[in-house]
């Protein structure tokens, strides 16, 4: 089903079907992991980001997780956690966390749907683009904190400017 057909359809479309269509439209590599889950790779300016979207019908939630590898020195973890907290104060939707056991920086967002609501193509596209934009925006600051001993407040000053590039 094309993006135009999805947009013009009056029948509810499964959100993961929408994500798959958007991934095809953007020419992103993807793997449909089941009826309710899809994973894709999105090339950004700084690195390739892994996006996973999953529908939890019981919770009426479309969850997005955007990850990128980061292996900071253990001595940098307190500064990195401080930078993550400060970054989360600067964003309105979603939040960063660091999964230390997997060395992954994570951007998480959940789109809460009502029992009879479905996600629209524009919502899902914006949700995915926003995840990549947040990762692109804060990636340099996290790197400066982890590898160049910058103070979190100083490193995050560069995140105040809009990211260059696009999802």
N, C-alpha and C. Protein backbone atom coordinates (compact mmCIF):
# COMPACT_ATOMS: atom_id res chain seq x y z
N UNK A 1 0.85 -1.17 0.00
CA UNK A 1 0.00 0.00 0.00
C UNK A 1 0.89 1.23 0.00
N UNK A 2 0.64 2.16 -0.90
CA UNK A 2 1.46 3.37 -1.00
C UNK A 2 1.07 4.36 0.09
N UNK A 3 1.93 5.35 0.29
CA UNK A 3 1.64 6.39 1.28
C UNK A 3 0.35 7.12 0.93
N UNK A 4 0.13 7.37 -0.36
CA UNK A 4 -1.09 8.06 -0.80
C UNK A 4 -2.31 7.21 -0.49
N UNK A 5 -2.23 5.90 -0.73
CA UNK A 5 -3.36 5.02 -0.44
C UNK A 5 -3.65 4.98 1.05
N UNK A 6 -2.57 4.95 1.87
CA UNK A 6 -2.76 4.98 3.31
C UNK A 6 -3.44 6.27 3.74
N UNK A 7 -3.01 7.37 3.17
CA UNK A 7 -3.52 8.68 3.54
C UNK A 7 -4.99 8.81 3.17
N UNK A 8 -5.35 8.28 2.00
CA UNK A 8 -6.72 8.43 1.50
C UNK A 8 -7.67 7.35 2.01
N UNK A 9 -7.13 6.32 2.63
CA UNK A 9 -7.96 5.22 3.11
C UNK A 9 -8.86 5.69 4.25
N UNK A 10 -10.11 5.25 4.22
CA UNK A 10 -11.02 5.60 5.31
C UNK A 10 -11.03 4.51 6.38
N UNK A 11 -10.49 3.33 6.04
CA UNK A 11 -10.40 2.24 7.01
C UNK A 11 -9.21 2.45 7.92
N UNK A 12 -9.33 2.06 9.18
CA UNK A 12 -8.17 2.17 10.07
C UNK A 12 -7.04 1.28 9.55
N UNK A 13 -5.84 1.82 9.56
CA UNK A 13 -4.66 1.10 9.08
C UNK A 13 -3.78 0.81 10.29
N UNK A 14 -3.26 -0.38 10.35
CA UNK A 14 -2.39 -0.77 11.45
C UNK A 14 -1.18 0.16 11.47
N UNK A 15 -0.82 0.72 12.63
CA UNK A 15 0.30 1.67 12.70
C UNK A 15 1.62 1.11 12.17
N UNK A 16 1.88 -0.16 12.36
CA UNK A 16 3.14 -0.73 11.89
C UNK A 16 3.13 -0.84 10.37
N UNK A 17 1.96 -1.02 9.76
CA UNK A 17 1.85 -0.96 8.30
C UNK A 17 2.22 0.44 7.81
N UNK A 18 1.79 1.45 8.55
CA UNK A 18 2.13 2.83 8.19
C UNK A 18 3.64 3.04 8.29
N UNK A 19 4.23 2.54 9.37
CA UNK A 19 5.68 2.68 9.55
C UNK A 19 6.42 2.00 8.42
N UNK A 20 5.98 0.82 8.03
CA UNK A 20 6.63 0.10 6.94
C UNK A 20 6.55 0.90 5.64
N UNK A 21 5.40 1.49 5.37
CA UNK A 21 5.25 2.32 4.17
C UNK A 21 6.16 3.54 4.22
N UNK A 22 6.27 4.17 5.39
CA UNK A 22 7.16 5.32 5.53
C UNK A 22 8.62 4.91 5.36
N UNK A 23 8.99 3.76 5.91
CA UNK A 23 10.36 3.28 5.75
C UNK A 23 10.68 3.04 4.28
N UNK A 24 9.74 2.45 3.56
CA UNK A 24 9.93 2.24 2.11
C UNK A 24 10.05 3.58 1.39
N UNK A 25 9.19 4.53 1.76
CA UNK A 25 9.21 5.85 1.14
C UNK A 25 10.55 6.56 1.34
N UNK A 26 11.11 6.45 2.55
CA UNK A 26 12.38 7.10 2.86
C UNK A 26 13.59 6.26 2.44
N UNK A 27 13.34 5.06 1.92
CA UNK A 27 14.40 4.13 1.50
C UNK A 27 15.29 3.73 2.68
N UNK A 28 14.67 3.53 3.84
CA UNK A 28 15.39 3.07 5.03
C UNK A 28 15.37 1.54 5.04
N UNK A 29 16.48 0.95 5.45
CA UNK A 29 16.50 -0.50 5.66
C UNK A 29 15.60 -0.82 6.84
N UNK A 30 14.76 -1.85 6.70
CA UNK A 30 13.87 -2.20 7.80
C UNK A 30 13.65 -3.70 7.84
N UNK A 31 13.20 -4.15 9.00
CA UNK A 31 12.87 -5.55 9.21
C UNK A 31 11.56 -5.60 10.00
N UNK A 32 10.55 -6.14 9.38
CA UNK A 32 9.26 -6.31 10.06
C UNK A 32 9.40 -7.53 10.96
N UNK A 33 9.47 -7.31 12.26
CA UNK A 33 9.77 -8.36 13.21
C UNK A 33 8.52 -9.11 13.68
N UNK A 34 7.39 -8.67 13.24
CA UNK A 34 6.11 -9.28 13.61
C UNK A 34 5.00 -8.33 13.23
N UNK A 35 3.79 -8.74 13.51
CA UNK A 35 2.65 -7.89 13.16
C UNK A 35 2.71 -6.54 13.87
N UNK A 36 3.22 -6.55 15.10
CA UNK A 36 3.17 -5.35 15.93
C UNK A 36 4.53 -4.71 16.17
N UNK A 37 5.57 -5.05 15.37
CA UNK A 37 6.90 -4.48 15.61
C UNK A 37 7.70 -4.40 14.32
N UNK A 38 8.45 -3.31 14.20
CA UNK A 38 9.33 -3.09 13.05
C UNK A 38 10.59 -2.39 13.53
N UNK A 39 11.71 -2.74 12.92
CA UNK A 39 12.99 -2.10 13.23
C UNK A 39 13.58 -1.58 11.93
N UNK A 40 14.25 -0.43 12.01
CA UNK A 40 14.86 0.14 10.81
C UNK A 40 16.13 0.87 11.16
N UNK A 41 16.94 1.09 10.14
CA UNK A 41 18.18 1.85 10.27
C UNK A 41 18.02 3.15 9.51
N UNK A 42 18.31 4.26 10.19
CA UNK A 42 18.15 5.59 9.61
C UNK A 42 19.51 6.28 9.65
N UNK A 43 19.98 6.67 8.49
CA UNK A 43 21.28 7.33 8.39
C UNK A 43 21.13 8.80 8.77
N UNK A 44 21.89 9.23 9.77
CA UNK A 44 21.90 10.62 10.18
C UNK A 44 23.22 11.27 9.79
N UNK A 45 23.38 12.51 10.19
CA UNK A 45 24.63 13.22 9.92
C UNK A 45 25.77 12.63 10.74
N UNK A 46 25.50 12.29 12.00
CA UNK A 46 26.56 11.85 12.91
C UNK A 46 26.75 10.34 12.88
N UNK A 47 25.67 9.59 12.65
CA UNK A 47 25.78 8.13 12.67
C UNK A 47 24.48 7.51 12.18
N UNK A 48 24.44 6.20 12.13
CA UNK A 48 23.21 5.49 11.77
C UNK A 48 22.46 5.18 13.06
N UNK A 49 21.19 5.50 13.08
CA UNK A 49 20.35 5.28 14.26
C UNK A 49 19.45 4.08 14.02
N UNK A 50 19.23 3.30 15.06
CA UNK A 50 18.31 2.17 15.00
C UNK A 50 16.98 2.61 15.61
N UNK A 51 15.93 2.52 14.81
CA UNK A 51 14.60 2.86 15.29
C UNK A 51 13.77 1.59 15.35
N UNK A 52 13.09 1.40 16.46
CA UNK A 52 12.16 0.29 16.62
C UNK A 52 10.84 0.87 17.06
N UNK A 53 9.78 0.48 16.38
CA UNK A 53 8.44 0.88 16.76
C UNK A 53 7.64 -0.37 17.04
N UNK A 54 6.89 -0.34 18.13
CA UNK A 54 6.09 -1.49 18.52
C UNK A 54 4.74 -1.00 19.01
N UNK A 55 3.71 -1.73 18.64
CA UNK A 55 2.36 -1.43 19.09
C UNK A 55 2.02 -2.38 20.22
N UNK A 56 1.58 -1.81 21.32
CA UNK A 56 1.11 -2.60 22.45
C UNK A 56 -0.40 -2.41 22.53
N UNK A 57 -1.15 -3.32 21.89
CA UNK A 57 -2.61 -3.14 21.85
C UNK A 57 -3.25 -3.09 23.23
N UNK A 58 -2.74 -3.84 24.18
CA UNK A 58 -3.31 -3.82 25.52
C UNK A 58 -3.18 -2.47 26.20
N UNK A 59 -2.11 -1.76 25.88
CA UNK A 59 -1.88 -0.43 26.47
C UNK A 59 -2.32 0.69 25.54
N UNK A 60 -2.75 0.34 24.33
CA UNK A 60 -3.09 1.35 23.32
C UNK A 60 -1.94 2.34 23.15
N UNK A 61 -0.73 1.80 22.96
CA UNK A 61 0.48 2.62 22.91
C UNK A 61 1.32 2.21 21.70
N UNK A 62 1.77 3.21 20.94
CA UNK A 62 2.76 3.00 19.90
C UNK A 62 4.07 3.53 20.47
N UNK A 63 5.00 2.61 20.71
CA UNK A 63 6.26 2.98 21.36
C UNK A 63 7.38 3.04 20.33
N UNK A 64 8.17 4.10 20.41
CA UNK A 64 9.33 4.27 19.55
C UNK A 64 10.57 4.28 20.42
N UNK A 65 11.58 3.55 19.98
CA UNK A 65 12.88 3.56 20.64
C UNK A 65 13.91 3.82 19.55
N UNK A 66 14.70 4.86 19.73
CA UNK A 66 15.79 5.21 18.82
C UNK A 66 17.08 5.06 19.60
N UNK A 67 17.98 4.22 19.08
CA UNK A 67 19.22 3.97 19.80
C UNK A 67 20.43 4.24 18.93
N UNK A 68 21.53 4.53 19.61
CA UNK A 68 22.84 4.56 18.95
C UNK A 68 23.88 4.13 19.97
N UNK A 69 24.91 3.47 19.45
CA UNK A 69 25.96 2.94 20.32
C UNK A 69 26.78 4.07 20.91
N UNK A 70 27.16 3.86 22.15
CA UNK A 70 28.02 4.81 22.84
C UNK A 70 28.72 4.03 23.93
N UNK A 71 30.02 4.10 23.95
CA UNK A 71 30.81 3.33 24.90
C UNK A 71 31.69 4.29 25.70
N UNK A 72 31.07 5.09 26.57
CA UNK A 72 31.86 6.08 27.30
C UNK A 72 32.72 5.43 28.37
N UNK A 73 33.82 6.07 28.71
CA UNK A 73 34.63 5.56 29.83
C UNK A 73 33.79 5.62 31.11
N UNK A 74 34.01 4.66 31.98
CA UNK A 74 33.23 4.61 33.24
C UNK A 74 33.36 5.90 34.04
N UNK A 75 34.54 6.53 33.95
CA UNK A 75 34.74 7.78 34.71
C UNK A 75 33.86 8.91 34.19
N UNK A 76 33.38 8.81 32.96
CA UNK A 76 32.55 9.85 32.38
C UNK A 76 31.06 9.66 32.66
N UNK A 77 30.67 8.51 33.21
CA UNK A 77 29.24 8.22 33.40
C UNK A 77 28.51 9.25 34.26
N UNK A 78 29.07 9.71 35.39
CA UNK A 78 28.33 10.73 36.15
C UNK A 78 28.07 12.01 35.33
N UNK A 79 29.05 12.45 34.56
CA UNK A 79 28.85 13.63 33.70
C UNK A 79 27.84 13.34 32.59
N UNK A 80 27.89 12.12 32.05
CA UNK A 80 26.95 11.75 31.00
C UNK A 80 25.52 11.73 31.53
N UNK A 81 25.32 11.15 32.71
CA UNK A 81 23.98 11.14 33.29
C UNK A 81 23.49 12.56 33.58
N UNK A 82 24.38 13.43 34.01
CA UNK A 82 24.02 14.83 34.21
C UNK A 82 23.61 15.47 32.88
N UNK A 83 24.38 15.18 31.83
CA UNK A 83 24.05 15.73 30.50
C UNK A 83 22.70 15.20 30.01
N UNK A 84 22.42 13.93 30.26
CA UNK A 84 21.13 13.35 29.86
C UNK A 84 19.99 14.06 30.58
N UNK A 85 20.14 14.27 31.88
CA UNK A 85 19.09 14.98 32.64
C UNK A 85 18.88 16.39 32.10
N UNK A 86 19.96 17.09 31.80
CA UNK A 86 19.86 18.44 31.27
C UNK A 86 19.24 18.43 29.87
N UNK A 87 19.61 17.45 29.05
CA UNK A 87 19.03 17.34 27.71
C UNK A 87 17.52 17.08 27.81
N UNK A 88 17.11 16.22 28.72
CA UNK A 88 15.69 15.92 28.88
C UNK A 88 14.90 17.15 29.32
N UNK A 89 15.55 18.06 30.03
CA UNK A 89 14.89 19.31 30.40
C UNK A 89 14.69 20.23 29.19
N UNK A 90 15.43 19.97 28.12
CA UNK A 90 15.39 20.85 26.94
C UNK A 90 14.42 20.35 25.87
N UNK A 91 13.82 19.18 26.06
CA UNK A 91 12.93 18.61 25.04
C UNK A 91 11.52 18.49 25.59
N UNK A 92 10.56 18.55 24.70
CA UNK A 92 9.16 18.49 25.09
C UNK A 92 8.58 17.09 24.96
N UNK A 93 9.07 16.33 24.01
CA UNK A 93 8.52 14.98 23.83
C UNK A 93 9.67 14.00 23.85
N UNK A 94 9.43 12.85 24.40
CA UNK A 94 10.46 11.84 24.47
C UNK A 94 11.48 12.13 25.55
N UNK A 95 12.37 11.17 25.74
CA UNK A 95 13.41 11.33 26.75
C UNK A 95 14.59 10.42 26.42
N UNK A 96 15.77 10.87 26.81
CA UNK A 96 16.98 10.08 26.65
C UNK A 96 17.22 9.25 27.91
N UNK A 97 17.86 8.12 27.73
CA UNK A 97 18.42 7.35 28.82
C UNK A 97 19.63 6.60 28.26
N UNK A 98 20.44 6.08 29.15
CA UNK A 98 21.60 5.32 28.71
C UNK A 98 21.49 3.92 29.27
N UNK A 99 21.49 2.94 28.38
CA UNK A 99 21.45 1.54 28.79
C UNK A 99 22.89 1.06 28.90
N UNK A 100 23.41 1.16 30.10
CA UNK A 100 24.83 0.89 30.33
C UNK A 100 25.23 -0.53 29.93
N UNK A 101 24.39 -1.51 30.22
CA UNK A 101 24.76 -2.91 29.93
C UNK A 101 24.90 -3.17 28.43
N UNK A 102 24.20 -2.39 27.60
CA UNK A 102 24.31 -2.55 26.15
C UNK A 102 25.12 -1.45 25.48
N UNK A 103 25.60 -0.47 26.26
CA UNK A 103 26.31 0.68 25.72
C UNK A 103 25.49 1.40 24.65
N UNK A 104 24.22 1.62 24.96
CA UNK A 104 23.32 2.28 24.01
C UNK A 104 22.72 3.54 24.62
N UNK A 105 22.79 4.62 23.83
CA UNK A 105 22.03 5.81 24.16
C UNK A 105 20.65 5.59 23.56
N UNK A 106 19.63 5.94 24.30
CA UNK A 106 18.26 5.62 23.90
C UNK A 106 17.39 6.87 23.96
N UNK A 107 16.61 7.08 22.92
CA UNK A 107 15.55 8.09 22.89
C UNK A 107 14.25 7.31 22.88
N UNK A 108 13.37 7.57 23.83
CA UNK A 108 12.11 6.84 23.93
C UNK A 108 10.94 7.81 23.84
N UNK A 109 9.91 7.34 23.17
CA UNK A 109 8.68 8.12 23.05
C UNK A 109 7.51 7.17 22.92
N UNK A 110 6.43 7.48 23.55
CA UNK A 110 5.22 6.66 23.43
C UNK A 110 4.06 7.52 22.99
N UNK A 111 3.37 7.08 21.95
CA UNK A 111 2.18 7.75 21.46
C UNK A 111 0.98 7.00 22.02
N UNK A 112 0.29 7.63 22.96
CA UNK A 112 -0.85 7.02 23.61
C UNK A 112 -2.07 7.17 22.73
N UNK A 113 -2.70 6.06 22.43
CA UNK A 113 -3.89 6.04 21.59
C UNK A 113 -5.09 5.65 22.45
N UNK A 114 -6.26 6.14 22.06
CA UNK A 114 -7.47 5.69 22.72
C UNK A 114 -7.86 4.32 22.20
N UNK A 115 -8.80 3.70 22.85
CA UNK A 115 -9.22 2.34 22.47
C UNK A 115 -9.66 2.26 21.01
N UNK A 116 -10.28 3.30 20.51
CA UNK A 116 -10.75 3.28 19.12
C UNK A 116 -10.01 4.28 18.24
N UNK A 117 -8.85 4.76 18.69
CA UNK A 117 -8.04 5.68 17.90
C UNK A 117 -6.93 4.93 17.19
N UNK A 118 -6.58 5.44 16.02
CA UNK A 118 -5.41 4.92 15.32
C UNK A 118 -4.46 6.08 15.09
N UNK A 119 -3.22 5.76 14.92
CA UNK A 119 -2.22 6.80 14.63
C UNK A 119 -2.32 7.17 13.16
N UNK A 120 -2.14 8.43 12.87
CA UNK A 120 -2.18 8.93 11.50
C UNK A 120 -0.77 8.93 10.92
N UNK A 121 -0.70 8.88 9.60
CA UNK A 121 0.60 8.83 8.92
C UNK A 121 1.47 10.03 9.27
N UNK A 122 0.85 11.22 9.38
CA UNK A 122 1.63 12.42 9.72
C UNK A 122 2.20 12.33 11.13
N UNK A 123 1.41 11.78 12.07
CA UNK A 123 1.88 11.63 13.45
C UNK A 123 3.08 10.70 13.52
N UNK A 124 2.98 9.59 12.85
CA UNK A 124 4.05 8.60 12.90
C UNK A 124 5.30 9.12 12.21
N UNK A 125 5.12 9.76 11.06
CA UNK A 125 6.28 10.33 10.36
C UNK A 125 6.97 11.38 11.22
N UNK A 126 6.18 12.23 11.83
CA UNK A 126 6.76 13.27 12.70
C UNK A 126 7.44 12.67 13.92
N UNK A 127 6.85 11.63 14.46
CA UNK A 127 7.41 10.94 15.61
C UNK A 127 8.80 10.37 15.28
N UNK A 128 8.92 9.74 14.11
CA UNK A 128 10.21 9.17 13.72
C UNK A 128 11.23 10.26 13.39
N UNK A 129 10.80 11.29 12.67
CA UNK A 129 11.72 12.39 12.34
C UNK A 129 12.17 13.11 13.61
N UNK A 130 11.27 13.28 14.56
CA UNK A 130 11.63 13.95 15.82
C UNK A 130 12.65 13.15 16.61
N UNK A 131 12.53 11.84 16.58
CA UNK A 131 13.50 10.99 17.30
C UNK A 131 14.89 11.16 16.71
N UNK A 132 14.99 11.12 15.39
CA UNK A 132 16.29 11.26 14.75
C UNK A 132 16.83 12.68 14.97
N UNK A 133 15.96 13.67 14.89
CA UNK A 133 16.40 15.05 15.12
C UNK A 133 16.93 15.24 16.54
N UNK A 134 16.28 14.62 17.53
CA UNK A 134 16.75 14.73 18.91
C UNK A 134 18.12 14.06 19.05
N UNK A 135 18.26 12.88 18.46
CA UNK A 135 19.56 12.18 18.52
C UNK A 135 20.65 13.01 17.84
N UNK A 136 20.34 13.57 16.69
CA UNK A 136 21.31 14.40 15.96
C UNK A 136 21.67 15.66 16.76
N UNK A 137 20.67 16.23 17.40
CA UNK A 137 20.87 17.47 18.14
C UNK A 137 21.81 17.27 19.34
N UNK A 138 21.63 16.16 20.06
CA UNK A 138 22.36 15.97 21.31
C UNK A 138 23.58 15.07 21.19
N UNK A 139 23.73 14.36 20.11
CA UNK A 139 24.88 13.46 19.94
C UNK A 139 26.21 14.18 20.17
N UNK A 140 26.46 15.32 19.54
CA UNK A 140 27.76 15.99 19.77
C UNK A 140 27.98 16.36 21.24
N UNK A 141 26.94 16.79 21.92
CA UNK A 141 27.09 17.16 23.34
C UNK A 141 27.43 15.94 24.18
N UNK A 142 26.75 14.83 23.93
CA UNK A 142 27.06 13.61 24.68
C UNK A 142 28.50 13.15 24.43
N UNK A 143 28.95 13.29 23.19
CA UNK A 143 30.33 12.91 22.87
C UNK A 143 31.33 13.81 23.58
N UNK A 144 31.06 15.12 23.60
CA UNK A 144 31.97 16.05 24.29
C UNK A 144 32.06 15.74 25.77
N UNK A 145 30.94 15.40 26.38
CA UNK A 145 30.92 15.06 27.81
C UNK A 145 31.69 13.76 28.05
N UNK A 146 31.44 12.77 27.20
CA UNK A 146 32.03 11.45 27.42
C UNK A 146 33.52 11.40 27.09
N UNK A 147 33.92 12.06 26.02
CA UNK A 147 35.28 11.87 25.52
C UNK A 147 36.19 13.08 25.61
N UNK A 148 35.64 14.27 25.79
CA UNK A 148 36.50 15.46 25.82
C UNK A 148 36.46 16.18 27.17
N UNK A 149 35.88 15.53 28.17
CA UNK A 149 35.83 16.07 29.53
C UNK A 149 35.14 17.43 29.63
N UNK A 150 34.23 17.73 28.71
CA UNK A 150 33.48 18.97 28.81
C UNK A 150 32.45 18.87 29.93
N UNK A 151 32.20 19.97 30.58
CA UNK A 151 31.12 20.01 31.56
C UNK A 151 29.79 19.89 30.82
N UNK A 152 28.81 19.18 31.38
CA UNK A 152 27.52 19.03 30.70
C UNK A 152 26.89 20.36 30.27
N UNK A 153 26.91 21.35 31.13
CA UNK A 153 26.29 22.64 30.77
C UNK A 153 26.99 23.25 29.56
N UNK A 154 28.30 23.16 29.51
CA UNK A 154 29.07 23.70 28.39
C UNK A 154 28.79 22.91 27.11
N UNK A 155 28.80 21.60 27.21
CA UNK A 155 28.58 20.76 26.03
C UNK A 155 27.18 20.94 25.46
N UNK A 156 26.20 21.13 26.32
CA UNK A 156 24.83 21.26 25.85
C UNK A 156 24.53 22.61 25.20
N UNK A 157 25.43 23.56 25.36
CA UNK A 157 25.24 24.84 24.67
C UNK A 157 25.20 24.64 23.16
N UNK A 158 25.93 23.67 22.65
CA UNK A 158 25.89 23.44 21.21
C UNK A 158 24.58 22.82 20.76
N UNK A 159 23.85 22.19 21.69
CA UNK A 159 22.56 21.60 21.34
C UNK A 159 21.45 22.65 21.26
N UNK A 160 21.74 23.87 21.67
CA UNK A 160 20.73 24.92 21.58
C UNK A 160 20.47 25.31 20.15
N UNK A 161 21.47 25.14 19.29
CA UNK A 161 21.29 25.43 17.87
C UNK A 161 20.58 24.26 17.21
N UNK A 162 19.86 24.53 16.14
CA UNK A 162 19.18 23.47 15.42
C UNK A 162 20.19 22.54 14.77
N UNK A 163 19.86 21.26 14.73
CA UNK A 163 20.73 20.29 14.07
C UNK A 163 20.73 20.54 12.57
N UNK A 164 21.87 20.31 11.96
CA UNK A 164 21.98 20.39 10.51
C UNK A 164 21.72 19.01 9.98
N UNK A 165 21.01 18.92 8.89
CA UNK A 165 20.69 17.61 8.33
C UNK A 165 19.22 17.32 8.48
N UNK A 166 18.85 16.14 8.07
CA UNK A 166 17.44 15.77 8.14
C UNK A 166 17.30 14.25 8.25
N UNK A 167 16.13 13.87 8.70
CA UNK A 167 15.83 12.43 8.84
C UNK A 167 15.18 11.94 7.57
